[in-house]
Amino acid sequence: MDVAPPQGAITLAEALDRALAFHQAGRAREAGDLCRAILRALPEQAETRCLLDTIAFGQGRLDAAGALITVTAALDPAFFDAHRTVRL
């Protein structure tokens, strides 16, 4: 039996697309808010953590960015972008 998602719910891919669009439009606060909402539901979601890291880095919050990407690398060792960023 399939259960329909709640009305107004969006998929993870849609949420990530929106967060990325906010980020690319210079709307870092909205992008970060959406990333944090995703992580409340899916705390180990590597792509979301990576985008939140990019946002923090762009805001000059280097300690937060470093912590985010380090956690991302630990949670999902296969996530290449996380490792590549840690190694830079």
N, C-alpha and C. Protein backbone atom coordinates (compact mmCIF):
# COMPACT_ATOMS: atom_id res chain seq x y z
N MET A 1 0.84 -1.18 0.00
CA MET A 1 0.00 0.00 0.00
C MET A 1 0.88 1.24 0.00
N ASP A 2 0.73 2.09 -1.01
CA ASP A 2 1.50 3.33 -1.11
C ASP A 2 0.82 4.42 -0.28
N VAL A 3 1.64 5.17 0.41
CA VAL A 3 1.12 6.28 1.21
C VAL A 3 1.56 7.57 0.53
N ALA A 4 0.62 8.43 0.26
CA ALA A 4 0.94 9.71 -0.39
C ALA A 4 1.63 10.63 0.60
N PRO A 5 2.61 11.41 0.13
CA PRO A 5 3.25 12.38 1.03
C PRO A 5 2.26 13.47 1.41
N PRO A 6 2.48 14.14 2.52
CA PRO A 6 1.58 15.22 2.92
C PRO A 6 1.50 16.30 1.83
N GLN A 7 0.35 16.90 1.72
CA GLN A 7 0.18 17.96 0.72
C GLN A 7 1.19 19.07 0.98
N GLY A 8 1.83 19.52 -0.09
CA GLY A 8 2.83 20.58 0.03
C GLY A 8 4.23 20.07 0.30
N ALA A 9 4.37 18.76 0.56
CA ALA A 9 5.70 18.19 0.82
C ALA A 9 6.49 18.16 -0.48
N ILE A 10 7.79 18.31 -0.35
CA ILE A 10 8.67 18.24 -1.52
C ILE A 10 9.69 17.13 -1.30
N THR A 11 10.26 16.65 -2.38
CA THR A 11 11.26 15.60 -2.28
C THR A 11 12.60 16.20 -1.83
N LEU A 12 13.50 15.32 -1.44
CA LEU A 12 14.85 15.76 -1.08
C LEU A 12 15.50 16.47 -2.26
N ALA A 13 15.37 15.91 -3.44
CA ALA A 13 15.98 16.52 -4.63
C ALA A 13 15.43 17.93 -4.86
N GLU A 14 14.12 18.09 -4.70
CA GLU A 14 13.52 19.41 -4.88
C GLU A 14 14.01 20.39 -3.82
N ALA A 15 14.13 19.93 -2.59
CA ALA A 15 14.61 20.80 -1.51
C ALA A 15 16.05 21.22 -1.76
N LEU A 16 16.89 20.27 -2.18
CA LEU A 16 18.28 20.61 -2.49
C LEU A 16 18.37 21.57 -3.66
N ASP A 17 17.54 21.35 -4.68
CA ASP A 17 17.52 22.27 -5.82
C ASP A 17 17.15 23.68 -5.39
N ARG A 18 16.16 23.78 -4.51
CA ARG A 18 15.75 25.10 -4.01
C ARG A 18 16.86 25.76 -3.21
N ALA A 19 17.50 24.97 -2.34
CA ALA A 19 18.59 25.52 -1.53
C ALA A 19 19.73 26.00 -2.42
N LEU A 20 20.07 25.22 -3.43
CA LEU A 20 21.13 25.61 -4.34
C LEU A 20 20.74 26.86 -5.12
N ALA A 21 19.49 26.94 -5.56
CA ALA A 21 19.02 28.14 -6.28
C ALA A 21 19.09 29.37 -5.38
N PHE A 22 18.70 29.23 -4.12
CA PHE A 22 18.83 30.35 -3.17
C PHE A 22 20.29 30.78 -3.06
N HIS A 23 21.16 29.79 -2.90
CA HIS A 23 22.60 30.09 -2.76
C HIS A 23 23.13 30.81 -3.98
N GLN A 24 22.79 30.31 -5.16
CA GLN A 24 23.28 30.91 -6.40
C GLN A 24 22.71 32.30 -6.63
N ALA A 25 21.54 32.57 -6.05
CA ALA A 25 20.92 33.89 -6.18
C ALA A 25 21.42 34.86 -5.11
N GLY A 26 22.39 34.42 -4.29
CA GLY A 26 22.92 35.29 -3.25
C GLY A 26 22.05 35.36 -2.01
N ARG A 27 21.16 34.40 -1.87
CA ARG A 27 20.25 34.37 -0.72
C ARG A 27 20.72 33.30 0.27
N ALA A 28 21.89 33.56 0.84
CA ALA A 28 22.55 32.58 1.71
C ALA A 28 21.70 32.23 2.93
N ARG A 29 21.03 33.20 3.50
CA ARG A 29 20.23 32.92 4.71
C ARG A 29 19.13 31.91 4.40
N GLU A 30 18.41 32.11 3.30
CA GLU A 30 17.34 31.18 2.92
C GLU A 30 17.91 29.82 2.57
N ALA A 31 19.04 29.81 1.87
CA ALA A 31 19.68 28.54 1.51
C ALA A 31 20.09 27.78 2.77
N GLY A 32 20.71 28.48 3.70
CA GLY A 32 21.13 27.85 4.95
C GLY A 32 19.96 27.35 5.77
N ASP A 33 18.89 28.14 5.82
CA ASP A 33 17.69 27.71 6.55
C ASP A 33 17.13 26.42 5.97
N LEU A 34 17.05 26.35 4.65
CA LEU A 34 16.52 25.15 4.00
C LEU A 34 17.45 23.96 4.22
N CYS A 35 18.76 24.18 4.14
CA CYS A 35 19.71 23.09 4.42
C CYS A 35 19.54 22.57 5.84
N ARG A 36 19.41 23.47 6.80
CA ARG A 36 19.24 23.03 8.19
C ARG A 36 17.93 22.26 8.37
N ALA A 37 16.87 22.67 7.66
CA ALA A 37 15.60 21.95 7.73
C ALA A 37 15.76 20.53 7.16
N ILE A 38 16.48 20.41 6.06
CA ILE A 38 16.75 19.09 5.49
C ILE A 38 17.52 18.24 6.49
N LEU A 39 18.53 18.82 7.11
CA LEU A 39 19.37 18.05 8.03
C LEU A 39 18.63 17.66 9.31
N ARG A 40 17.61 18.40 9.69
CA ARG A 40 16.80 17.98 10.84
C ARG A 40 16.09 16.66 10.52
N ALA A 41 15.67 16.51 9.26
CA ALA A 41 14.98 15.29 8.85
C ALA A 41 15.95 14.18 8.45
N LEU A 42 17.06 14.57 7.83
CA LEU A 42 18.05 13.60 7.32
C LEU A 42 19.46 14.05 7.73
N PRO A 43 19.83 13.85 8.99
CA PRO A 43 21.09 14.41 9.50
C PRO A 43 22.36 13.92 8.81
N GLU A 44 22.29 12.81 8.12
CA GLU A 44 23.50 12.28 7.47
C GLU A 44 23.52 12.58 5.98
N GLN A 45 22.72 13.50 5.50
CA GLN A 45 22.62 13.81 4.07
C GLN A 45 23.84 14.62 3.64
N ALA A 46 24.76 13.97 2.95
CA ALA A 46 26.07 14.56 2.64
C ALA A 46 25.98 15.77 1.72
N GLU A 47 25.16 15.71 0.69
CA GLU A 47 25.10 16.84 -0.25
C GLU A 47 24.61 18.10 0.44
N THR A 48 23.66 17.95 1.34
CA THR A 48 23.14 19.10 2.07
C THR A 48 24.21 19.67 2.98
N ARG A 49 24.93 18.81 3.68
CA ARG A 49 26.02 19.28 4.55
C ARG A 49 27.09 20.00 3.74
N CYS A 50 27.38 19.47 2.56
CA CYS A 50 28.39 20.09 1.70
C CYS A 50 27.94 21.48 1.26
N LEU A 51 26.67 21.64 0.89
CA LEU A 51 26.17 22.96 0.50
C LEU A 51 26.20 23.91 1.70
N LEU A 52 25.82 23.43 2.87
CA LEU A 52 25.86 24.27 4.06
C LEU A 52 27.30 24.69 4.36
N ASP A 53 28.25 23.79 4.13
CA ASP A 53 29.67 24.12 4.27
C ASP A 53 30.06 25.24 3.30
N THR A 54 29.63 25.12 2.06
CA THR A 54 29.95 26.13 1.05
C THR A 54 29.39 27.49 1.44
N ILE A 55 28.18 27.49 1.97
CA ILE A 55 27.54 28.73 2.42
C ILE A 55 28.35 29.33 3.56
N ALA A 56 28.70 28.51 4.55
CA ALA A 56 29.47 29.01 5.69
C ALA A 56 30.82 29.56 5.24
N PHE A 57 31.47 28.85 4.33
CA PHE A 57 32.77 29.30 3.81
C PHE A 57 32.61 30.65 3.11
N GLY A 58 31.58 30.79 2.30
CA GLY A 58 31.33 32.04 1.58
C GLY A 58 31.03 33.21 2.50
N GLN A 59 30.53 32.92 3.68
CA GLN A 59 30.24 33.95 4.68
C GLN A 59 31.46 34.23 5.56
N GLY A 60 32.56 33.54 5.29
CA GLY A 60 33.77 33.75 6.08
C GLY A 60 33.76 33.03 7.41
N ARG A 61 32.82 32.12 7.61
CA ARG A 61 32.75 31.35 8.86
C ARG A 61 33.56 30.07 8.66
N LEU A 62 34.88 30.24 8.65
CA LEU A 62 35.78 29.15 8.29
C LEU A 62 35.77 28.01 9.29
N ASP A 63 35.65 28.31 10.58
CA ASP A 63 35.59 27.24 11.58
C ASP A 63 34.35 26.38 11.37
N ALA A 64 33.21 27.02 11.15
CA ALA A 64 31.96 26.28 10.91
C ALA A 64 32.06 25.47 9.63
N ALA A 65 32.63 26.07 8.59
CA ALA A 65 32.77 25.36 7.31
C ALA A 65 33.66 24.12 7.48
N GLY A 66 34.77 24.29 8.16
CA GLY A 66 35.67 23.16 8.38
C GLY A 66 35.03 22.05 9.18
N ALA A 67 34.28 22.42 10.21
CA ALA A 67 33.59 21.42 11.02
C ALA A 67 32.54 20.67 10.20
N LEU A 68 31.79 21.41 9.39
CA LEU A 68 30.75 20.78 8.56
C LEU A 68 31.35 19.78 7.58
N ILE A 69 32.40 20.17 6.90
CA ILE A 69 32.94 19.28 5.87
C ILE A 69 33.66 18.09 6.51
N THR A 70 34.24 18.27 7.67
CA THR A 70 34.87 17.16 8.38
C THR A 70 33.82 16.13 8.81
N VAL A 71 32.69 16.61 9.33
CA VAL A 71 31.61 15.70 9.72
C VAL A 71 31.06 14.99 8.49
N THR A 72 30.91 15.73 7.39
CA THR A 72 30.41 15.12 6.15
C THR A 72 31.32 13.99 5.71
N ALA A 73 32.61 14.22 5.74
CA ALA A 73 33.57 13.19 5.33
C ALA A 73 33.49 11.98 6.25
N ALA A 74 33.29 12.20 7.55
CA ALA A 74 33.21 11.08 8.49
C ALA A 74 31.90 10.30 8.32
N LEU A 75 30.80 11.00 8.06
CA LEU A 75 29.50 10.34 7.92
C LEU A 75 29.37 9.55 6.63
N ASP A 76 29.98 10.06 5.56
CA ASP A 76 29.82 9.41 4.25
C ASP A 76 31.17 9.40 3.54
N PRO A 77 32.03 8.44 3.89
CA PRO A 77 33.38 8.39 3.31
C PRO A 77 33.39 8.30 1.78
N ALA A 78 32.32 7.83 1.19
CA ALA A 78 32.27 7.71 -0.26
C ALA A 78 31.94 9.03 -0.95
N PHE A 79 31.59 10.01 -0.17
CA PHE A 79 31.20 11.28 -0.77
C PHE A 79 32.45 12.05 -1.18
N PHE A 80 32.79 11.99 -2.44
CA PHE A 80 34.05 12.50 -2.95
C PHE A 80 34.25 13.98 -2.66
N ASP A 81 33.27 14.81 -2.86
CA ASP A 81 33.44 16.23 -2.65
C ASP A 81 33.89 16.57 -1.23
N ALA A 82 33.38 15.84 -0.28
CA ALA A 82 33.76 16.09 1.11
C ALA A 82 35.25 15.81 1.30
N HIS A 83 35.71 14.68 0.79
CA HIS A 83 37.13 14.34 0.92
C HIS A 83 38.01 15.32 0.16
N ARG A 84 37.58 15.67 -1.03
CA ARG A 84 38.39 16.59 -1.85
C ARG A 84 38.54 17.92 -1.13
N THR A 85 37.48 18.43 -0.52
CA THR A 85 37.54 19.71 0.17
C THR A 85 38.42 19.60 1.41
N VAL A 86 38.31 18.52 2.16
CA VAL A 86 39.14 18.34 3.36
C VAL A 86 40.61 18.31 2.99
N ARG A 87 40.93 17.72 1.85
CA ARG A 87 42.33 17.59 1.45
C ARG A 87 42.92 18.87 0.92
N LEU A 88 42.11 19.86 0.55
CA LEU A 88 42.63 21.11 -0.01
C LEU A 88 43.26 21.98 1.02
